[in-house]
Protein backbone atom coordinates (compact mmCIF):
# COMPACT_ATOMS: atom_id res chain seq x y z
CA MET A 1 34.75 79.99 17.99
CA LEU A 2 34.63 83.65 17.04
CA ILE A 3 36.99 86.50 17.65
CA SER A 4 35.69 88.68 20.43
CA PRO A 5 34.10 91.88 19.12
CA SER A 6 35.79 93.63 22.02
CA ALA A 7 39.08 92.99 20.22
CA LEU A 8 38.02 95.73 17.83
CA GLN A 9 37.29 98.22 20.61
CA ASP A 10 39.34 100.43 22.92
CA PRO A 11 42.98 99.60 22.23
CA GLY A 12 43.95 101.43 25.40
CA ASP A 13 46.44 103.83 23.79
CA GLY A 14 43.94 106.57 23.00
CA ALA A 15 43.55 105.60 19.33
CA LYS A 16 40.04 104.85 18.18
CA PRO A 17 38.93 102.70 15.24
CA GLU A 18 37.04 105.66 13.75
CA ASP A 19 40.29 107.67 13.70
CA LEU A 20 41.93 105.23 11.30
CA SER A 21 41.70 105.43 7.56
CA MET A 22 39.72 102.38 6.59
CA ASP A 23 41.64 101.58 3.42
CA CYS A 24 41.16 97.87 4.07
CA THR A 25 37.37 97.93 4.25
CA ASP A 26 34.64 97.85 1.67
CA GLY A 27 32.28 100.09 3.62
CA GLU A 28 31.13 97.25 5.88
CA ASP A 29 31.66 96.99 9.61
CA GLU A 30 35.01 95.26 9.37
CA LEU A 31 38.71 95.95 9.82
CA CYS A 32 41.60 94.17 8.21
CA LEU A 33 44.01 92.40 10.53
CA GLU A 34 46.70 94.85 9.46
CA GLU A 35 44.63 97.78 10.80
CA ILE A 36 43.99 95.95 14.08
CA LEU A 37 47.71 95.29 14.53
CA THR A 38 48.47 98.95 13.78
CA LEU A 39 45.76 100.11 16.16
CA TYR A 40 47.11 98.02 19.04
CA SER A 41 50.79 98.64 18.15
CA GLN A 42 51.53 95.09 19.29
CA PRO A 43 50.85 91.50 18.21
CA ILE A 44 47.55 89.82 19.01
CA ASN A 45 47.64 87.28 21.83
CA GLU A 46 47.81 83.52 21.27
CA GLU A 47 44.09 82.95 21.82
CA GLN A 48 43.21 85.64 19.28
CA ALA A 49 45.76 84.23 16.80
CA TRP A 50 44.23 80.75 17.05
CA ALA A 51 40.77 82.24 16.60
CA VAL A 52 41.92 84.05 13.43
CA CYS A 53 43.52 80.83 12.12
CA TYR A 54 40.35 78.86 12.85
CA GLN A 55 38.12 81.43 11.16
CA CYS A 56 40.43 81.62 8.10
CA CYS A 57 40.42 77.82 7.73
CA ARG A 58 36.66 77.76 8.14
CA TRP A 59 36.22 80.45 5.48
CA LEU A 60 38.55 78.61 3.06
CA THR A 61 36.72 75.31 3.65
CA GLN A 62 33.34 76.91 3.00
CA LYS A 63 34.69 78.58 -0.15
CA GLN A 64 36.10 75.27 -1.40
CA ARG A 65 32.76 73.51 -0.82
CA ARG A 66 30.93 76.19 -2.80
CA LYS A 67 33.42 76.07 -5.66
CA GLU A 68 32.61 73.82 -8.59
CA THR A 69 35.12 71.11 -9.42
CA GLY A 70 37.65 72.14 -12.04
CA GLY A 71 37.42 75.77 -10.93
CA SER A 72 40.26 78.21 -10.70
CA PRO A 73 43.30 77.30 -8.61
CA PRO A 74 43.26 78.48 -5.01
CA GLY A 75 44.51 81.98 -4.38
CA ARG A 76 46.99 83.01 -1.75
CA ILE A 77 46.82 85.24 1.29
CA ALA A 78 49.53 87.85 0.84
CA GLY A 79 49.45 89.26 4.36
CA PRO A 80 47.35 90.65 7.20
CA GLY A 81 45.68 93.15 4.86
CA ASP A 82 43.88 90.25 3.16
CA VAL A 83 42.26 89.10 6.42
CA ARG A 84 39.11 91.10 7.23
CA ILE A 85 37.52 90.75 10.66
CA ARG A 86 33.92 91.83 11.06
CA LYS A 87 32.42 93.30 14.21
CA ASP A 88 30.72 89.98 15.01
CA GLY A 89 34.12 88.25 14.95
CA THR A 90 33.74 86.39 11.68
CA VAL A 91 36.56 86.49 9.16
CA LYS A 92 36.49 87.11 5.42
CA LEU A 93 39.53 86.69 3.18
CA TYR A 94 40.48 88.58 0.06
CA GLN A 95 42.82 86.35 -1.89
CA GLN A 96 45.09 87.18 -4.77
CA SER A 97 45.05 84.81 -7.71
CA SER A 98 47.88 82.31 -7.86
CA PRO A 99 50.61 83.18 -10.38
């Protein structure tokens, strides 16, 4: 299950993704969840929220499988700015180290 790429297009209020400052991106074709929420000026719907949760869990599981045993403790997701959604609907997380 992927987040629909159309979720990143035409918010309907006249704002366009290219009009936003892309502070959350690393130059790739992605937006952070915080930017998407700002762009829409409303919460995402339940289906989109479940898709984001699924993609975040999938990303964390894949990261854990790649990590060697005895590695660093898991980080934490501080907020929607840490969740990056690519144009194809996949999610990438930027975690802060645990204190």
